[in-house]
Amino acid sequence: MPLFDRILIVDWSGAGQPVTGKNSLWACLARREGDRCEIEWNENFSTRHAFMQRLDAVVGAAVAEGQRLLCGFDFAFGYPAGAAERLTGAPHWRSLWRKIADEIEDGEDNRNNRFDLASRWNATYFAGEPRFWGRPHQHVYADLSDKKPPAPTKAPLAFRRSEQFAKGAKSVWQLTYNGSVGSQTLLGINRLSRFLDESGHGEHIAVWPFETGFATGFEKLIVFAEIYPSLFDLSGEDAVKDQAQVRTVAETFARFDADGRLAMLLDRPAVLSDDEVAVSVAEEGWVLGIGHRELEIAGKDTPLWPAGHLPHKGGERNAASVEPASDVHGLSGTAGAALSDRVAVPEAATRHTPLSPRVGEMSRSDRGGDPQ
């Protein structure tokens, strides 16, 4: 039996002003109807604020109708092990999410203070060994360089464990330039943290794997998960790559949910040790979709519908052994294990600088270059 009735896939944006089309925010909703699944809508949102209004409506409808909903977001849900404790004093994902939400400003027009915040955190928490880097060349921030700093020699390191298995993934500390995800992560975590605390839907939502562990069944109707669209080969033809990515992932997860592969991807990754599982669940998170190619090679059941051919309702409109990725360096096979003796299974943890100018749009909204 499929785990979800609806699947929402979101290609996030770190834009500093309203923008549509390429390198902007796209989202796609797939809905299961009996033994079929169709694309309900695939839309472009000019601002994060506009999308959050739609998210509230989608989640509210799922709750009202008792429908199970998976929401996948294309930004990192966690930072490398040790970051949360350095920044908040507690090695828990939720304490870091709330700190980000407390200090990030993100207006209805996409204006935000992410570069100011990164500069300030470098000075306050990472003096002498900065983590955040990348900024618009035409602007200067006292403690935020446009150059990549030397690789950290102590926690938190440059990469999470999951990035070893996501080819092309960039470090969450990188805020701008090709393929970066740092700005999307700060702005996305801010929005989701506030949504959990303020929307009135928080009691119905579980954040995977932080609140669920690596599991194949969920008590709550709504599951939020981190995704990485560049793990998947694009299918079909769309005018904008971001539009194609959200549709492709929605269709793929719908097929995987029908034949049992999605449950396997939500379960414990075979590549993680017990210590690494503890770190992932407490702080780093994991990317839903890692290992899907190996499941296909293993010869799972034939999909119920071919990739790129889910029926569309209403068209598209604006409004398992896994080999580590070879391009992620500086991580041992047990990265984070040394921290495990002080990382517990998380519990819910119990303004500032001027807004940045309307600059610094990411050069692309996905994180890993072109899928092959």
Protein backbone atom coordinates (compact mmCIF):
# COMPACT_ATOMS: atom_id res chain seq x y z
CA MET A 1 0.00 0.00 0.00
CA PRO A 2 1.40 3.44 -0.91
CA LEU A 3 2.55 5.59 1.98
CA PHE A 4 1.21 8.89 0.60
CA ASP A 5 -1.88 10.25 -1.13
CA ARG A 6 -0.19 13.44 -2.29
CA ILE A 7 3.39 14.41 -3.05
CA LEU A 8 4.55 18.05 -3.16
CA ILE A 9 8.00 18.74 -4.59
CA VAL A 10 9.58 22.18 -4.17
CA ASP A 11 12.60 23.65 -5.97
CA TRP A 12 13.48 26.44 -3.53
CA SER A 13 15.00 29.83 -4.37
CA GLY A 14 17.50 32.11 -2.67
CA ALA A 15 16.43 35.13 -4.72
CA GLY A 16 16.80 38.62 -3.24
CA GLN A 17 13.84 40.06 -5.15
CA PRO A 18 10.69 38.76 -6.87
CA VAL A 19 11.64 36.59 -9.84
CA THR A 20 10.00 34.03 -12.11
CA GLY A 21 11.21 31.59 -14.73
CA LYS A 22 14.71 30.19 -14.57
CA ASN A 23 16.35 30.06 -11.12
CA SER A 24 13.16 30.86 -9.25
CA LEU A 25 10.82 28.89 -6.99
CA TRP A 26 8.84 26.06 -8.62
CA ALA A 27 6.55 23.53 -6.97
CA CYS A 28 4.62 20.52 -8.25
CA LEU A 29 1.79 18.60 -6.58
CA ALA A 30 1.01 14.98 -7.52
CA ARG A 31 -2.24 13.41 -6.28
CA ARG A 32 -3.09 9.73 -6.07
CA GLU A 33 -6.56 8.75 -7.27
CA GLY A 34 -7.16 5.05 -6.66
CA ASP A 35 -4.40 3.16 -8.45
CA ARG A 36 -3.48 6.19 -10.57
CA CYS A 37 -1.49 9.30 -9.82
CA GLU A 38 -1.79 12.60 -11.68
CA ILE A 39 -0.04 15.95 -11.64
CA GLU A 40 -2.48 18.37 -10.00
CA TRP A 41 -0.39 21.47 -10.74
CA ASN A 42 3.15 22.60 -11.54
CA GLU A 43 3.57 26.29 -10.76
CA ASN A 44 6.11 29.09 -10.54
CA PHE A 45 6.10 31.41 -7.50
CA SER A 46 7.75 34.82 -7.65
CA THR A 47 8.43 34.99 -3.89
CA ARG A 48 8.91 32.63 -0.98
CA HIS A 49 6.04 34.40 0.78
CA ALA A 50 3.67 33.54 -2.08
CA PHE A 51 4.70 29.90 -1.97
CA MET A 52 4.27 29.65 1.80
CA GLN A 53 0.66 30.77 1.37
CA ARG A 54 0.17 27.88 -1.07
CA LEU A 55 1.94 25.47 1.28
CA ASP A 56 -0.46 26.48 4.04
CA ALA A 57 -3.39 25.72 1.74
CA VAL A 58 -1.99 22.35 0.60
CA VAL A 59 -1.17 21.20 4.12
CA GLY A 60 -4.51 22.49 5.43
CA ALA A 61 -6.43 20.60 2.73
CA ALA A 62 -4.51 17.38 3.44
CA VAL A 63 -5.26 17.65 7.15
CA ALA A 64 -8.93 18.44 6.57
CA GLU A 65 -9.35 15.48 4.21
CA GLY A 66 -7.18 13.07 6.20
CA GLN A 67 -4.80 12.68 3.26
CA ARG A 68 -1.18 11.64 3.71
CA LEU A 69 1.20 14.21 2.22
CA LEU A 70 4.94 14.08 1.50
CA CYS A 71 6.59 17.50 1.00
CA GLY A 72 10.11 17.45 -0.48
CA PHE A 73 12.20 20.63 -0.34
CA ASP A 74 15.36 21.26 -2.33
CA PHE A 75 17.57 22.71 0.39
CA ALA A 76 19.62 21.24 3.21
CA PHE A 77 17.68 20.47 6.41
CA GLY A 78 20.84 20.30 8.50
CA TYR A 79 24.44 21.45 8.84
CA PRO A 80 27.56 19.33 9.41
CA ALA A 81 27.81 17.71 12.84
CA GLY A 82 28.90 20.19 15.48
CA ALA A 83 27.29 23.24 13.87
CA ALA A 84 24.16 23.25 16.01
CA GLU A 85 26.12 22.98 19.24
CA ARG A 86 28.57 25.70 18.16
CA LEU A 87 25.75 28.07 17.24
CA THR A 88 23.17 27.28 19.92
CA GLY A 89 24.88 25.27 22.67
CA ALA A 90 22.69 22.22 21.90
CA PRO A 91 23.50 19.51 19.31
CA HIS A 92 19.93 19.37 18.02
CA TRP A 93 18.46 20.29 14.64
CA ARG A 94 15.46 22.08 16.13
CA SER A 95 17.52 24.44 18.24
CA LEU A 96 19.42 25.47 15.11
CA TRP A 97 16.22 25.85 13.07
CA ARG A 98 14.77 28.16 15.69
CA LYS A 99 17.97 30.21 15.92
CA ILE A 100 17.94 30.69 12.15
CA ALA A 101 14.27 31.69 12.28
CA ASP A 102 15.00 34.13 15.11
CA GLU A 103 17.76 35.92 13.20
CA ILE A 104 16.87 35.69 9.50
CA GLU A 105 14.72 38.43 8.01
CA ASP A 106 12.96 37.52 4.78
CA GLY A 107 10.41 39.99 3.48
CA GLU A 108 7.35 39.43 1.34
CA ASP A 109 9.37 40.80 -1.61
CA ASN A 110 12.28 38.35 -1.03
CA ARG A 111 14.56 41.00 0.49
CA ASN A 112 16.56 39.35 3.25
CA ASN A 113 19.62 39.67 5.50
CA ARG A 114 21.33 36.34 4.78
CA PHE A 115 24.72 37.82 3.89
CA ASP A 116 24.74 40.09 6.94
CA LEU A 117 23.81 37.14 9.15
CA ALA A 118 26.50 34.88 7.69
CA SER A 119 29.12 37.58 8.18
CA ARG A 120 28.06 38.12 11.78
CA TRP A 121 28.01 34.39 12.57
CA ASN A 122 31.48 33.97 11.06
CA ALA A 123 32.78 36.67 13.42
CA THR A 124 30.86 35.46 16.47
CA TYR A 125 31.04 31.68 16.23
CA PHE A 126 33.83 30.90 13.75
CA ALA A 127 36.43 33.58 14.43
CA GLY A 128 39.71 32.75 12.71
CA GLU A 129 38.24 29.77 10.86
CA PRO A 130 35.19 31.05 8.92
CA ARG A 131 32.63 28.64 7.54
CA PHE A 132 30.22 30.77 5.52
CA TRP A 133 31.55 32.17 2.26
CA GLY A 134 30.33 33.61 -1.05
CA ARG A 135 28.82 37.06 -1.57
CA PRO A 136 27.86 39.45 -4.38
CA HIS A 137 31.09 40.87 -5.76
CA GLN A 138 29.74 44.43 -5.70
CA HIS A 139 29.15 44.35 -1.93
CA VAL A 140 31.54 43.97 0.99
CA TYR A 141 30.77 42.30 4.31
CA ALA A 142 33.27 42.54 7.14
CA ASP A 143 33.53 38.81 7.83
CA LEU A 144 32.20 37.19 4.66
CA SER A 145 34.67 36.53 1.86
CA ASP A 146 33.97 35.94 -1.80
CA LYS A 147 36.69 33.26 -1.68
CA LYS A 148 36.41 29.73 -0.34
CA PRO A 149 38.20 29.52 3.02
CA PRO A 150 40.62 26.71 3.93
CA ALA A 151 38.92 23.44 4.80
CA PRO A 152 37.99 23.33 8.51
CA THR A 153 40.26 21.24 10.71
CA LYS A 154 37.66 20.64 13.40
CA ALA A 155 33.89 20.27 13.62
CA PRO A 156 31.78 21.45 12.00
CA LEU A 157 33.43 20.32 8.78
CA ALA A 158 32.63 21.45 5.25
CA PHE A 159 30.25 18.62 4.30
CA ARG A 160 27.63 16.41 5.84
CA ARG A 161 27.80 12.65 5.47
CA SER A 162 24.93 12.67 2.95
CA GLU A 163 26.88 14.86 0.53
CA GLN A 164 29.34 12.04 -0.01
CA PHE A 165 26.55 10.20 -1.80
CA ALA A 166 25.02 13.10 -3.76
CA LYS A 167 27.27 13.79 -6.72
CA GLY A 168 27.79 17.49 -7.34
CA ALA A 169 26.30 18.64 -4.04
CA LYS A 170 27.85 21.81 -2.65
CA SER A 171 28.66 22.66 0.94
CA VAL A 172 25.87 24.33 2.92
CA TRP A 173 28.39 27.01 3.92
CA GLN A 174 28.61 28.31 0.32
CA LEU A 175 26.08 31.12 -0.13
CA THR A 176 26.39 31.97 -3.80
CA TYR A 177 27.96 31.05 -7.16
CA ASN A 178 27.23 28.08 -9.39
CA GLY A 179 25.27 25.26 -7.76
CA SER A 180 25.31 26.79 -4.28
CA VAL A 181 22.71 25.87 -1.67
CA GLY A 182 23.77 27.94 1.37
CA SER A 183 21.37 30.83 0.81
CA GLN A 184 18.47 28.51 0.02
CA THR A 185 19.21 26.60 3.23
CA LEU A 186 19.18 29.63 5.54
CA LEU A 187 16.04 31.04 3.93
CA GLY A 188 14.30 27.68 3.64
CA ILE A 189 14.94 26.58 7.21
CA ASN A 190 13.70 29.96 8.39
CA ARG A 191 10.42 29.54 6.52
CA LEU A 192 9.80 25.92 7.56
CA SER A 193 10.71 26.55 11.20
CA ARG A 194 8.23 29.42 11.36
CA PHE A 195 5.63 27.29 9.59
CA LEU A 196 5.98 24.53 12.18
CA ASP A 197 5.64 27.00 15.04
CA GLU A 198 3.09 29.46 13.67
CA SER A 199 0.86 27.88 11.00
CA GLY A 200 -1.33 25.85 13.34
CA HIS A 201 -0.44 22.71 11.37
CA GLY A 202 2.70 21.79 13.29
CA GLU A 203 1.04 19.01 15.30
CA HIS A 204 0.27 17.18 12.05
CA ILE A 205 3.80 17.43 10.58
CA ALA A 206 6.87 15.23 11.10
CA VAL A 207 10.29 16.24 9.76
CA TRP A 208 12.18 13.24 8.33
CA PRO A 209 14.45 11.80 9.65
CA PHE A 210 14.78 14.13 12.65
CA GLU A 211 11.39 13.39 14.20
CA THR A 212 10.68 10.03 12.60
CA GLY A 213 14.00 8.26 12.52
CA PHE A 214 14.63 6.26 9.36
CA ALA A 215 11.18 4.69 9.10
CA THR A 216 8.72 3.20 6.63
CA GLY A 217 5.56 4.29 8.41
CA PHE A 218 4.49 7.56 9.98
CA GLU A 219 2.05 8.50 12.72
CA LYS A 220 1.50 12.03 11.40
CA LEU A 221 -0.27 12.85 8.13
CA ILE A 222 2.39 15.23 6.79
CA VAL A 223 6.08 14.46 6.29
CA PHE A 224 8.67 17.09 5.36
CA ALA A 225 11.89 15.78 3.78
CA GLU A 226 15.02 17.14 2.15
CA ILE A 227 15.45 16.28 -1.53
CA TYR A 228 18.08 16.83 -4.21
CA PRO A 229 16.51 16.91 -7.71
CA SER A 230 19.86 16.51 -9.46
CA LEU A 231 19.92 12.89 -8.26
CA PHE A 232 17.30 12.18 -10.94
CA ASP A 233 17.52 12.20 -14.74
CA LEU A 234 15.04 14.66 -16.21
CA SER A 235 12.08 13.25 -18.12
CA GLY A 236 9.75 14.92 -20.60
CA GLU A 237 10.10 18.41 -22.05
CA ASP A 238 9.54 21.61 -20.09
CA ALA A 239 10.34 25.21 -20.94
CA VAL A 240 12.29 25.71 -17.70
CA LYS A 241 14.67 23.19 -16.13
CA ASP A 242 13.40 23.88 -12.59
CA GLN A 243 9.87 23.13 -13.81
CA ALA A 244 11.06 19.83 -15.26
CA GLN A 245 12.91 18.92 -12.08
CA VAL A 246 9.95 19.24 -9.73
CA ARG A 247 7.70 17.31 -12.11
CA THR A 248 10.31 14.59 -12.58
CA VAL A 249 10.82 14.11 -8.84
CA ALA A 250 7.07 14.15 -8.15
CA GLU A 251 6.47 11.51 -10.83
CA THR A 252 9.42 9.42 -9.69
CA PHE A 253 8.40 9.43 -6.03
CA ALA A 254 4.83 8.55 -7.05
CA ARG A 255 6.11 5.51 -8.96
CA PHE A 256 8.44 4.56 -6.14
CA ASP A 257 5.62 4.88 -3.61
CA ALA A 258 3.44 2.56 -5.67
CA ASP A 259 6.05 -0.20 -6.01
CA GLY A 260 7.61 0.02 -2.53
CA ARG A 261 10.88 1.71 -3.39
CA LEU A 262 9.99 4.96 -1.61
CA ALA A 263 9.61 3.06 1.66
CA MET A 264 13.06 1.58 1.11
CA LEU A 265 14.53 5.06 0.58
CA LEU A 266 12.89 6.32 3.78
CA ASP A 267 14.31 3.39 5.76
CA ARG A 268 17.78 3.30 7.32
CA PRO A 269 20.57 3.76 4.72
CA ALA A 270 22.81 0.70 4.65
CA VAL A 271 25.86 2.96 4.21
CA LEU A 272 25.50 4.51 7.69
CA SER A 273 27.01 3.15 10.88
CA ASP A 274 25.06 3.32 14.14
CA ASP A 275 27.01 6.44 15.12
CA GLU A 276 26.31 8.09 11.77
CA VAL A 277 22.60 7.28 12.07
CA ALA A 278 22.57 9.02 15.45
CA VAL A 279 24.25 12.11 13.98
CA SER A 280 21.90 12.16 10.97
CA VAL A 281 18.79 11.90 13.13
CA ALA A 282 20.01 14.46 15.67
CA GLU A 283 21.56 17.10 13.49
CA GLU A 284 22.67 16.50 9.91
CA GLY A 285 19.58 14.98 8.32
CA TRP A 286 19.62 12.92 5.13
CA VAL A 287 18.58 13.35 1.49
CA LEU A 288 15.52 11.40 0.38
CA GLY A 289 16.43 9.74 -2.91
CA ILE A 290 20.02 8.75 -2.21
CA GLY A 291 20.42 5.16 -3.39
CA HIS A 292 17.50 5.12 -5.83
CA ARG A 293 19.68 4.07 -8.77
CA GLU A 294 20.85 1.02 -6.90
CA LEU A 295 17.23 0.03 -6.28
CA GLU A 296 16.54 0.28 -10.00
CA ILE A 297 19.59 -1.81 -10.81
CA ALA A 298 18.39 -4.38 -8.29
CA GLY A 299 15.40 -4.97 -10.57
CA LYS A 300 12.38 -3.80 -8.64
CA ASP A 301 8.87 -4.19 -10.09
CA THR A 302 8.09 -2.52 -13.38
CA PRO A 303 6.69 0.98 -12.76
CA LEU A 304 2.94 1.42 -13.08
CA TRP A 305 3.51 4.29 -15.51
CA PRO A 306 6.63 5.33 -17.46
CA ALA A 307 8.72 8.30 -16.36
CA GLY A 308 7.44 11.58 -17.75
CA HIS A 309 3.94 10.26 -18.45
CA LEU A 310 1.81 10.85 -15.40
CA PRO A 311 -1.51 12.38 -16.51
CA HIS A 312 -1.63 16.12 -15.89
CA LYS A 313 -4.70 17.79 -14.43
CA GLY A 314 -5.08 21.43 -15.37
CA GLY A 315 -1.77 21.66 -17.20
CA GLU A 316 1.23 23.64 -15.99
CA ARG A 317 1.02 27.31 -15.22
CA ASN A 318 2.73 30.12 -13.43
CA ALA A 319 1.44 31.44 -10.03
CA ALA A 320 21.42 -1.37 -1.43
CA SER A 321 25.09 -0.41 -1.58
CA VAL A 322 25.88 3.09 -2.64
CA GLU A 323 29.21 4.39 -3.89
CA PRO A 324 30.24 7.78 -2.44
CA ALA A 325 30.34 10.70 -4.85
CA SER A 326 33.88 11.22 -6.06
CA ASP A 327 33.80 15.04 -5.98
CA VAL A 328 33.27 15.48 -2.22
CA HIS A 329 36.59 15.60 -0.43
CA GLY A 330 37.83 15.81 3.12
CA LEU A 331 35.41 13.35 4.72
CA SER A 332 36.29 9.98 6.14
CA GLY A 333 33.90 7.06 6.04
CA THR A 334 33.06 7.72 9.68
CA ALA A 335 32.72 11.49 9.54
CA GLY A 336 30.81 12.66 12.55
CA ALA A 337 31.31 9.43 14.50
CA ALA A 338 33.69 11.13 16.91
CA LEU A 339 30.88 13.46 17.87
CA SER A 340 28.36 10.71 18.50
CA ASP A 341 29.11 10.39 22.21
CA ARG A 342 27.60 13.82 22.76
CA VAL A 343 24.82 13.73 20.17
CA ALA A 344 21.50 12.53 21.53
CA VAL A 345 18.33 11.60 19.67
CA PRO A 346 16.70 15.00 19.21
CA GLU A 347 13.78 16.49 21.08
CA ALA A 348 11.98 19.70 20.28
CA ALA A 349 14.13 22.47 21.75
CA THR A 350 12.55 24.66 23.58
CA ARG A 351 16.18 41.88 15.40
CA HIS A 352 19.24 42.50 14.23
CA THR A 353 21.07 43.67 11.08
CA PRO A 354 19.77 45.71 8.13
CA LEU A 355 18.31 43.91 5.15
CA SER A 356 20.69 43.02 2.36
CA PRO A 357 20.23 44.88 -0.93
CA ARG A 358 18.28 43.40 -3.84
CA VAL A 359 21.28 41.50 -5.14
CA GLY A 360 22.92 38.13 -4.88
CA GLU A 361 20.47 35.92 -6.76
CA MET A 362 21.88 32.45 -7.09
CA SER A 363 23.32 31.69 -10.49
CA ARG A 364 21.08 28.62 -10.54
CA SER A 365 18.48 27.26 -8.16
CA ASP A 366 19.48 23.64 -8.12
CA ARG A 367 22.49 22.41 -6.22
CA GLY A 368 24.49 20.10 -8.36
CA GLY A 369 24.88 21.14 -11.97
CA ASP A 370 23.24 19.40 -14.87
CA PRO A 371 22.06 15.83 -14.35
CA GLN A 372 23.62 13.40 -16.73
